[in-house]
């Protein structure tokens, strides 16, 4: 039953039905049409000839076929009112003196013209029966025409039609069979690839390169396998990194707590120091868990954002104002060029967090005595938010992974600044939840640039012109 449900079987069945239908058309329908056309070809001739004979009989009361020179293939039979044959042009089986009883006699005597044809063995036979006024009542004129040459034409035409039909059927039938084989092969590869992917094996692609629907599905499955393999790799890396990040503060808490428990006569001052360290490690664990929950929330659905129209210039200005003092303490200046009228579908808190993370990172990793530049502008229906710094930049090997969770370019510096390696991952998840994109690149001669692109929405009122752009 499983084989019967396969498309290859169904297509093969369709091919067989197609072949049977074509054979039926060529072997039955065409001969029937040709036979009818040949049969009707003599009707007008026999009708005119019968009318001429009946006219002579009505006018002269006699009919002499020998004087008329009728061909031997034509047989003329004339009866009287009593249906007794008075004239018969056949010399081999003459019916003279006999009563003529034929199918359609009654209809002919009532005034109808009876015409029929038949294919008898090796010849075509046409029959024409009509009545005329025999004086004391209606009499009959029967014409029978037989033609073996037409029968041979019919036979030859039928054979030629069958051969031509067969030859004409072979190319489409071959093409159909080839397509069925190709379809079955493609479907089997697609099915095998799907089974591998379902089993979690993503290293063997389907590898279909055609332009048909199944090949398109195969390429979609290959793309899915690549993404899924990447996701599995990220998941494994995340579990490993998360375990490492959580293990370090937990080990510190374990060590500090054991120091308190197993150190005899520990002083209150040392106990306080140990508890302070434990408290700091717990805060670190709390920050990691809180940020992981934030990423999970943004990954879950964009609908969770609670989108509304947000004035991004106002948010960016608030963030810059909040970070002006930490930037000054680090010997930096935040220069902003913020265009008015930039609105996005988001909420204030989410946009604040995106802007804060990016600008704070630029302040942390900027060069002393330089500036951090913040640009905000709208172009072609897209909001551009750009943060530049003049720091050391990002190593080329790290740019591709800069938004991975727990990934830090400078781990030593991240520990001194309290970094968890989740800030840019949170920004990436938040931007994607808004149907936007974020990218990082190095600037020339030094420094880094982060660019956020978000869909713009129409403001409630026409925006005033202003702001700038890089």
Protein backbone atom coordinates (compact mmCIF):
# COMPACT_ATOMS: atom_id res chain seq x y z
CA UNK A 1 0.00 0.00 0.00
CA UNK A 2 2.93 2.33 0.64
CA UNK A 3 4.10 1.88 -2.95
CA UNK A 4 0.59 2.61 -4.24
CA UNK A 5 0.67 5.99 -2.48
CA UNK A 6 3.91 7.07 -4.18
CA UNK A 7 3.74 9.81 -6.78
CA UNK A 8 5.95 7.74 -9.10
CA UNK A 9 3.32 4.98 -9.14
CA UNK A 10 0.54 7.47 -9.73
CA UNK A 11 2.44 9.10 -12.58
CA UNK A 12 3.20 5.69 -14.11
CA UNK A 13 -0.49 4.86 -13.94
CA UNK A 14 -1.27 8.19 -15.63
CA UNK A 15 1.26 7.37 -18.37
CA UNK A 16 -0.39 3.98 -18.92
CA UNK A 17 -3.84 5.56 -19.10
CA UNK A 18 -2.49 8.20 -21.48
CA UNK A 19 -1.03 5.50 -23.74
CA UNK A 20 -4.28 3.51 -23.64
CA UNK A 21 -6.32 6.61 -24.46
CA UNK A 22 -4.03 7.52 -27.35
CA UNK A 23 -4.16 3.95 -28.69
CA UNK A 24 -7.94 4.01 -28.42
CA UNK A 25 -8.05 7.32 -30.26
CA UNK A 26 -5.80 6.10 -33.06
CA UNK A 27 -7.17 2.55 -33.31
CA UNK A 28 -10.89 3.15 -32.84
CA UNK A 29 -11.94 6.77 -33.13
CA UNK A 30 -9.96 7.67 -36.25
CA UNK A 31 -11.08 4.57 -38.27
CA UNK A 32 -14.70 5.25 -37.29
CA UNK A 33 -14.44 8.87 -38.41
CA UNK A 34 -12.73 7.87 -41.67
CA UNK A 35 -15.33 5.19 -42.32
CA UNK A 36 -18.18 7.62 -41.85
CA UNK A 37 -16.53 10.19 -44.11
CA UNK A 38 -16.05 7.62 -46.90
CA UNK A 39 -19.57 6.32 -46.42
CA UNK A 40 -21.15 9.74 -46.77
CA UNK A 41 -19.08 10.56 -49.84
CA UNK A 42 -21.47 8.72 -52.24
CA UNK A 43 -24.76 9.96 -50.85
CA UNK A 44 -25.14 12.97 -53.14
CA UNK A 45 -24.16 10.98 -56.26
CA UNK A 46 -26.58 8.12 -55.54
CA UNK A 47 -29.36 10.54 -54.63
CA UNK A 48 -29.02 12.39 -57.95
CA UNK A 49 -28.79 9.15 -59.90
CA UNK A 50 -31.84 7.71 -58.15
CA UNK A 51 -33.78 10.89 -58.86
CA UNK A 52 -32.90 10.69 -62.58
CA UNK A 53 -33.98 7.03 -62.81
CA UNK A 54 -37.26 7.68 -61.00
CA UNK A 55 -37.93 10.62 -63.25
CA UNK A 56 -37.44 8.44 -66.35
CA UNK A 57 -39.71 5.79 -64.90
CA UNK A 58 -42.41 8.33 -64.14
CA UNK A 59 -42.20 9.95 -67.57
CA UNK A 60 -41.52 6.96 -69.84
CA UNK A 61 -42.80 4.05 -67.74
CA UNK A 62 -39.64 2.11 -68.57
CA UNK A 63 -35.96 2.01 -67.84
CA UNK A 64 -33.17 0.45 -69.90
CA UNK A 65 -29.86 0.27 -67.94
CA UNK A 66 -27.90 -1.03 -70.90
CA UNK A 67 -28.65 2.07 -72.91
CA UNK A 68 -27.54 4.21 -69.97
CA UNK A 69 -24.15 2.41 -69.77
CA UNK A 70 -24.08 1.91 -66.00
CA UNK A 71 -20.79 0.65 -64.51
CA UNK A 72 -20.64 -2.91 -63.29
CA UNK A 73 -20.02 -1.74 -59.69
CA UNK A 74 -23.48 -0.15 -59.68
CA UNK A 75 -26.53 -2.35 -59.36
CA UNK A 76 -29.98 -0.95 -60.12
CA UNK A 77 -33.12 -2.76 -59.04
CA UNK A 78 -36.60 -1.50 -59.97
CA UNK A 79 -39.86 -2.94 -58.61
CA UNK A 80 -43.51 -2.49 -59.39
CA UNK A 81 -46.22 -1.49 -56.92
CA UNK A 82 -46.38 -5.11 -55.75
CA UNK A 83 -42.61 -4.98 -54.99
CA UNK A 84 -41.94 -7.53 -57.72
CA UNK A 85 -38.56 -6.84 -59.39
CA UNK A 86 -38.92 -5.78 -63.01
CA UNK A 87 -35.37 -4.51 -63.64
CA UNK A 88 -32.06 -5.77 -62.21
CA UNK A 89 -28.72 -4.85 -63.71
CA UNK A 90 -26.92 -7.72 -61.98
CA UNK A 91 -26.33 -10.73 -64.25
CA UNK A 92 -24.97 -13.13 -61.65
CA UNK A 93 -27.80 -13.18 -59.14
CA UNK A 94 -30.71 -11.44 -60.88
CA UNK A 95 -33.79 -10.75 -58.78
CA UNK A 96 -36.20 -10.27 -61.71
CA UNK A 97 -39.58 -11.71 -60.85
CA UNK A 98 -38.79 -11.90 -57.17
CA UNK A 99 -40.17 -9.75 -54.41
CA UNK A 100 -37.76 -7.15 -53.05
CA UNK A 101 -37.79 -6.94 -49.27
CA UNK A 102 -35.02 -4.84 -47.76
CA UNK A 103 -34.49 -3.08 -44.43
CA UNK A 104 -36.10 0.31 -44.81
CA UNK A 105 -38.65 -0.81 -47.45
CA UNK A 106 -41.59 0.39 -45.39
CA UNK A 107 -39.95 3.76 -44.77
CA UNK A 108 -39.16 4.14 -48.49
CA UNK A 109 -42.74 3.33 -49.49
CA UNK A 110 -43.94 6.05 -47.12
CA UNK A 111 -41.88 8.63 -48.99
CA UNK A 112 -38.58 8.62 -47.08
CA UNK A 113 -35.19 8.19 -48.70
CA UNK A 114 -33.18 5.37 -47.10
CA UNK A 115 -29.41 5.65 -47.39
CA UNK A 116 -26.86 3.36 -45.75
CA UNK A 117 -23.33 2.13 -46.18
CA UNK A 118 -21.30 -0.77 -44.87
CA UNK A 119 -17.83 -2.20 -44.98
CA UNK A 120 -18.13 -5.79 -46.09
CA UNK A 121 -14.86 -7.72 -46.00
CA UNK A 122 -12.76 -6.19 -48.76
CA UNK A 123 -15.17 -3.62 -50.19
CA UNK A 124 -17.38 -0.66 -49.31
CA UNK A 125 -21.09 -1.01 -50.17
CA UNK A 126 -23.53 1.89 -50.46
CA UNK A 127 -27.31 1.39 -50.52
CA UNK A 128 -29.94 3.89 -51.68
CA UNK A 129 -33.66 3.09 -51.57
CA UNK A 130 -36.45 5.46 -52.70
CA UNK A 131 -40.00 5.22 -54.05
CA UNK A 132 -41.61 6.47 -57.22
CA UNK A 133 -45.15 6.50 -58.60
CA UNK A 134 -45.72 3.10 -60.20
CA UNK A 135 -49.20 3.95 -61.50
CA UNK A 136 -51.32 1.76 -59.24
CA UNK A 137 -49.21 2.54 -56.21
CA UNK A 138 -45.72 3.40 -55.01
CA UNK A 139 -42.85 1.30 -56.32
CA UNK A 140 -39.15 1.19 -55.41
CA UNK A 141 -35.81 2.04 -56.98
CA UNK A 142 -32.87 0.38 -55.21
CA UNK A 143 -29.28 1.37 -55.94
CA UNK A 144 -26.33 -0.65 -54.65
CA UNK A 145 -22.78 0.49 -55.29
CA UNK A 146 -19.76 -1.57 -54.26
CA UNK A 147 -16.17 -0.35 -54.50
CA UNK A 148 -13.17 -2.50 -53.40
CA UNK A 149 -10.76 0.34 -54.24
CA UNK A 150 -12.32 2.55 -51.58
CA UNK A 151 -12.03 -0.35 -49.16
CA UNK A 152 -8.31 -0.61 -49.92
CA UNK A 153 -7.98 3.16 -49.38
CA UNK A 154 -9.76 2.75 -46.06
CA UNK A 155 -7.50 -0.11 -45.01
CA UNK A 156 -4.32 1.68 -46.08
CA UNK A 157 -5.41 4.93 -44.46
CA UNK A 158 -6.24 3.11 -41.24
CA UNK A 159 -2.86 1.39 -41.17
CA UNK A 160 -1.06 4.64 -42.02
CA UNK A 161 -3.00 6.47 -39.32
CA UNK A 162 -2.12 3.80 -36.77
CA UNK A 163 1.56 3.97 -37.72
CA UNK A 164 1.64 7.77 -37.71
CA UNK A 165 -0.22 7.83 -34.41
CA UNK A 166 2.24 5.38 -32.91
CA UNK A 167 5.23 7.34 -34.18
CA UNK A 168 3.70 10.58 -32.95
CA UNK A 169 2.97 8.97 -29.59
CA UNK A 170 6.48 7.68 -28.99
CA UNK A 171 8.25 11.06 -28.37
CA UNK A 172 5.74 12.40 -25.82
CA UNK A 173 5.50 8.97 -24.24
CA UNK A 174 9.29 8.76 -24.00
CA UNK A 175 9.41 12.27 -22.60
CA UNK A 176 6.72 11.40 -20.06
CA UNK A 177 8.54 8.24 -19.00
CA UNK A 178 11.79 10.21 -18.69
CA UNK A 179 10.08 12.82 -16.56
CA UNK A 180 8.58 10.10 -14.36
CA UNK A 181 12.02 8.56 -13.86
CA UNK A 182 13.52 11.98 -13.12
CA UNK A 183 10.67 12.82 -10.77
CA UNK A 184 11.04 9.49 -8.94
CA UNK A 185 14.80 9.96 -8.61
CA UNK A 186 14.38 13.55 -7.37
CA UNK A 187 11.60 12.58 -4.98
CA UNK A 188 13.67 9.72 -3.58
CA UNK A 189 16.64 12.01 -2.98
CA UNK A 190 14.38 14.57 -1.37
CA UNK A 191 12.76 11.91 0.80
CA UNK A 192 16.14 10.49 1.84
CA UNK A 193 17.44 13.97 2.66
CA UNK A 194 14.35 14.72 4.72
CA UNK A 195 14.82 11.50 6.68
CA UNK A 196 18.47 12.39 7.36
CA UNK A 197 17.52 15.87 8.54
CA UNK A 198 14.76 14.44 10.72
CA UNK A 199 17.39 12.19 12.30
CA UNK A 200 19.58 15.22 13.03
CA UNK A 201 22.17 14.53 10.29
CA UNK A 202 22.82 17.87 8.57
CA UNK A 203 26.19 17.15 6.95
CA UNK A 204 24.74 15.39 3.86
CA UNK A 205 22.81 17.89 1.70
CA UNK A 206 20.07 16.86 -0.72
CA UNK A 207 22.08 18.45 -3.54
CA UNK A 208 19.33 19.12 -6.10
CA UNK A 209 20.31 21.68 -8.72
CA UNK A 210 17.28 21.73 -11.05
CA UNK A 211 14.70 24.49 -11.47
CA UNK A 212 11.57 22.45 -10.73
CA UNK A 213 9.50 22.61 -7.57
CA UNK A 214 11.10 19.54 -5.96
CA UNK A 215 14.61 20.89 -6.59
CA UNK A 216 13.53 24.19 -5.05
CA UNK A 217 12.26 22.31 -1.99
CA UNK A 218 15.57 20.44 -1.87
CA UNK A 219 17.54 23.68 -1.87
CA UNK A 220 15.28 25.04 0.86
CA UNK A 221 16.00 21.91 2.89
CA UNK A 222 19.73 22.35 2.31
CA UNK A 223 19.50 25.96 3.48
CA UNK A 224 17.51 24.79 6.48
CA UNK A 225 20.15 22.15 7.22
CA UNK A 226 22.91 24.76 7.10
CA UNK A 227 20.98 27.06 9.43
CA UNK A 228 20.05 24.19 11.70
CA UNK A 229 23.65 22.98 11.84
CA UNK A 230 24.70 26.54 12.68
CA UNK A 231 21.99 26.69 15.35
CA UNK A 232 23.13 23.38 16.83
CA UNK A 233 26.70 24.64 16.87
CA UNK A 234 25.60 27.85 18.56
CA UNK A 235 23.53 25.87 21.03
CA UNK A 236 26.47 23.64 21.93
CA UNK A 237 28.75 26.63 22.18
CA UNK A 238 26.18 28.48 24.27
CA UNK A 239 25.82 25.55 26.66
CA UNK A 240 29.58 25.30 26.93
CA UNK A 241 30.08 29.04 27.41
CA UNK A 242 27.14 29.37 29.79
CA UNK A 243 28.44 26.44 31.83
CA UNK A 244 31.87 28.04 31.96
CA UNK A 245 30.52 31.48 32.85
CA UNK A 246 28.25 30.11 35.56
CA UNK A 247 30.85 27.69 36.86
CA UNK A 248 33.38 30.43 37.64
CA UNK A 249 31.23 32.47 40.09
CA UNK A 250 29.75 29.29 41.56
CA UNK A 251 33.24 27.93 42.18
CA UNK A 252 34.20 31.24 43.79
CA UNK A 253 31.11 31.14 46.02
CA UNK A 254 31.90 27.52 46.92
CA UNK A 255 35.51 28.37 47.74
CA UNK A 256 34.63 31.45 49.80
CA UNK A 257 31.88 29.70 51.72
CA UNK A 258 34.20 26.75 52.50
CA UNK A 259 36.82 29.22 53.69
CA UNK A 260 34.33 30.59 56.17
CA UNK A 261 33.11 27.15 57.24
CA UNK A 262 36.43 25.39 57.58
CA UNK A 263 38.73 28.19 58.79
CA UNK A 264 38.97 27.98 62.58
CA UNK A 265 38.80 31.17 64.54
CA UNK A 266 38.17 33.28 61.41
CA UNK A 267 38.03 36.94 62.28
CA UNK A 268 34.89 39.00 61.76
CA UNK A 269 36.79 41.21 59.32
CA UNK A 270 37.77 38.23 57.11
CA UNK A 271 34.24 36.86 57.32
CA UNK A 272 32.89 40.21 56.18
CA UNK A 273 35.39 40.31 53.29
CA UNK A 274 34.47 36.78 52.24
CA UNK A 275 30.73 37.55 52.42
CA UNK A 276 31.29 40.70 50.38
CA UNK A 277 33.05 38.63 47.70
CA UNK A 278 30.25 36.07 47.79
CA UNK A 279 27.71 38.88 47.38
CA UNK A 280 29.62 40.22 44.36
CA UNK A 281 29.69 36.77 42.72
CA UNK A 282 25.97 36.39 43.36
CA UNK A 283 25.40 39.79 41.71
CA UNK A 284 27.42 38.57 38.76
CA UNK A 285 25.28 35.42 38.52
CA UNK A 286 22.16 37.57 38.74
CA UNK A 287 23.35 39.79 35.89
CA UNK A 288 24.08 36.77 33.70
CA UNK A 289 20.67 35.19 34.36
CA UNK A 290 18.87 38.48 33.87
CA UNK A 291 20.54 39.07 30.52
CA UNK A 292 19.87 35.53 29.37
CA UNK A 293 16.18 36.05 30.19
CA UNK A 294 16.22 39.27 28.18
CA UNK A 295 17.67 37.47 25.14
CA UNK A 296 15.09 34.68 25.46
CA UNK A 297 12.30 37.26 25.60
CA UNK A 298 13.49 38.99 22.43
CA UNK A 299 14.06 35.69 20.64
CA UNK A 300 10.57 34.46 21.49
CA UNK A 301 8.53 36.97 19.48
CA UNK A 302 8.58 40.51 18.23
CA UNK A 303 5.00 40.82 19.51
CA UNK A 304 6.37 40.71 23.05
CA UNK A 305 7.97 44.10 22.50
CA UNK A 306 4.67 45.96 22.76
CA UNK A 307 5.43 48.14 19.76
CA UNK A 308 4.30 51.75 19.53
CA UNK A 309 5.61 54.85 17.75
CA UNK A 310 8.86 55.92 19.44
CA UNK A 311 10.77 59.14 18.82
CA UNK A 312 14.28 57.75 18.44
CA UNK A 313 15.94 61.16 18.59
CA UNK A 314 14.50 61.71 22.06
CA UNK A 315 15.71 58.28 23.22
CA UNK A 316 19.19 58.79 21.77
CA UNK A 317 19.46 62.21 23.40
CA UNK A 318 18.48 60.77 26.80
CA UNK A 319 21.09 58.00 26.50
CA UNK A 320 23.84 60.42 25.45
CA UNK A 321 22.99 62.75 28.30
CA UNK A 322 23.14 59.81 30.75
CA UNK A 323 26.58 58.74 29.47
CA UNK A 324 28.12 62.20 29.13
CA UNK A 325 29.55 62.05 32.68
CA UNK A 326 31.05 58.51 32.42
CA UNK A 327 32.51 59.51 29.05
CA UNK A 328 34.07 62.63 30.55
CA UNK A 329 35.56 60.53 33.35
CA UNK A 330 37.11 58.28 30.67
CA UNK A 331 38.50 61.32 28.83
CA UNK A 332 35.99 61.09 25.98
CA UNK A 333 33.38 63.36 24.41
CA UNK A 334 30.09 62.13 22.97
CA UNK A 335 29.30 64.08 19.80
CA UNK A 336 25.84 63.50 18.42
CA UNK A 337 24.15 64.40 15.15
CA UNK A 338 20.52 63.41 15.57
CA UNK A 339 17.92 64.08 12.91
CA UNK A 340 14.43 64.92 14.03
CA UNK A 341 11.42 63.00 12.79
CA UNK A 342 12.95 59.53 13.14
CA UNK A 343 10.24 57.20 14.42
CA UNK A 344 10.28 53.41 14.79
CA UNK A 345 7.74 50.83 15.92
CA UNK A 346 9.12 49.85 19.32
CA UNK A 347 8.93 51.00 22.93
CA UNK A 348 11.05 53.44 24.88
CA UNK A 349 12.72 50.90 27.19
CA UNK A 350 13.80 48.61 24.37
CA UNK A 351 15.24 51.42 22.25
CA UNK A 352 16.94 52.85 25.32
CA UNK A 353 18.64 49.52 25.99
CA UNK A 354 19.83 49.19 22.36
CA UNK A 355 21.25 52.72 22.31
CA UNK A 356 22.71 52.44 25.81
CA UNK A 357 24.58 49.19 25.13
CA UNK A 358 26.14 50.45 21.90
CA UNK A 359 27.13 53.89 23.18
CA UNK A 360 28.39 52.50 26.50
CA UNK A 361 30.58 49.98 24.64
CA UNK A 362 32.00 52.80 22.53
CA UNK A 363 32.79 54.74 25.71
CA UNK A 364 34.40 51.68 27.34
CA UNK A 365 36.59 50.81 24.37
CA UNK A 366 37.26 54.31 23.01
CA UNK A 367 40.67 55.95 23.12
CA UNK A 368 41.41 58.47 25.84
CA UNK A 369 41.21 62.02 24.48
CA UNK A 370 39.05 61.06 21.48
CA UNK A 371 35.34 61.22 20.88
CA UNK A 372 32.40 58.93 20.37
CA UNK A 373 30.19 59.94 17.44
CA UNK A 374 26.47 59.09 17.39
CA UNK A 375 24.45 59.54 14.17
CA UNK A 376 20.73 59.18 13.68
CA UNK A 377 18.93 59.81 10.38
CA UNK A 378 16.23 58.44 8.12
CA UNK A 379 16.77 57.47 4.50
CA UNK A 380 14.42 55.66 2.07
CA UNK A 381 12.08 54.43 4.78
CA UNK A 382 14.87 53.10 7.00
CA UNK A 383 16.19 54.50 10.27
CA UNK A 384 20.00 54.50 10.50
CA UNK A 385 21.58 54.59 13.97
CA UNK A 386 25.40 54.62 13.87
CA UNK A 387 27.95 54.67 16.70
CA UNK A 388 31.64 55.33 15.90
CA UNK A 389 34.62 55.23 18.25
CA UNK A 390 38.36 55.82 17.84
CA UNK A 391 39.49 52.81 19.84
CA UNK A 392 41.62 49.88 18.74
CA UNK A 393 38.82 48.37 16.67
CA UNK A 394 37.74 44.75 16.44
CA UNK A 395 40.13 41.98 15.36
CA UNK A 396 39.05 40.73 11.93
CA UNK A 397 38.76 37.17 13.24
CA UNK A 398 36.27 38.33 15.87
CA UNK A 399 33.90 40.46 13.75
CA UNK A 400 31.92 37.42 12.62
CA UNK A 401 31.30 36.31 16.21
CA UNK A 402 30.95 39.69 17.89
CA UNK A 403 27.19 39.17 18.45
CA UNK A 404 27.49 35.60 19.80
CA UNK A 405 26.44 35.03 23.39
CA UNK A 406 29.26 35.11 25.96
CA UNK A 407 31.75 36.07 23.26
CA UNK A 408 34.22 38.74 24.35
CA UNK A 409 37.08 40.17 22.33
CA UNK A 410 39.12 41.25 25.35
CA UNK A 411 38.28 38.90 28.20
CA UNK A 412 40.74 40.46 30.65
CA UNK A 413 39.29 43.93 30.12
CA UNK A 414 35.74 42.57 30.20
CA UNK A 415 36.35 41.17 33.68
CA UNK A 416 37.63 44.50 34.93
CA UNK A 417 34.60 46.29 33.51
CA UNK A 418 32.13 43.69 34.72
CA UNK A 419 31.23 42.47 31.23
CA UNK A 420 29.38 39.19 30.72
CA UNK A 421 29.70 38.90 26.94
CA UNK A 422 25.92 39.23 26.57
CA UNK A 423 25.49 42.94 25.83
CA UNK A 424 25.85 42.78 22.04
CA UNK A 425 23.89 39.50 21.97
CA UNK A 426 21.02 41.32 23.71
CA UNK A 427 21.25 44.20 21.22
CA UNK A 428 21.24 41.75 18.28
CA UNK A 429 18.20 39.88 19.62
CA UNK A 430 16.37 43.14 20.35
CA UNK A 431 17.05 44.57 16.88
CA UNK A 432 15.93 41.35 15.18
CA UNK A 433 12.73 41.40 17.25
CA UNK A 434 12.01 44.78 15.58
CA UNK A 435 12.61 43.33 12.08
CA UNK A 436 15.86 45.27 11.84
CA UNK A 437 19.53 44.43 11.43
CA UNK A 438 22.82 45.30 13.10
CA UNK A 439 26.35 45.10 11.75
CA UNK A 440 29.88 45.83 12.98
CA UNK A 441 32.92 46.93 11.01
CA UNK A 442 36.32 48.52 11.53
CA UNK A 443 36.97 52.09 10.54
CA UNK A 444 40.06 53.46 8.84
CA UNK A 445 42.64 54.08 10.26
CA UNK A 446 41.32 52.79 13.59
CA UNK A 447 38.15 52.46 15.59
CA UNK A 448 34.91 50.52 15.21
CA UNK A 449 31.48 51.31 13.78
CA UNK A 450 28.17 49.72 14.75
CA UNK A 451 25.18 50.30 12.44
CA UNK A 452 21.56 49.58 13.32
CA UNK A 453 18.89 49.62 10.58
CA UNK A 454 15.21 49.69 11.54
CA UNK A 455 12.01 50.17 9.52
CA UNK A 456 10.77 53.72 9.80
CA UNK A 457 7.15 54.60 10.58
CA UNK A 458 5.32 57.79 9.78
CA UNK A 459 5.38 60.35 12.59
CA UNK A 460 2.20 61.76 14.01
CA UNK A 461 3.19 65.17 12.57
CA UNK A 462 5.57 66.09 9.74
CA UNK A 463 9.11 66.11 11.16
CA UNK A 464 11.23 69.23 11.17
CA UNK A 465 14.38 69.17 9.12
CA UNK A 466 17.66 68.91 10.99
CA UNK A 467 20.26 66.55 12.33
CA UNK A 468 23.08 65.12 10.36
CA UNK A 469 24.59 62.00 8.98
CA UNK A 470 28.09 60.65 8.44
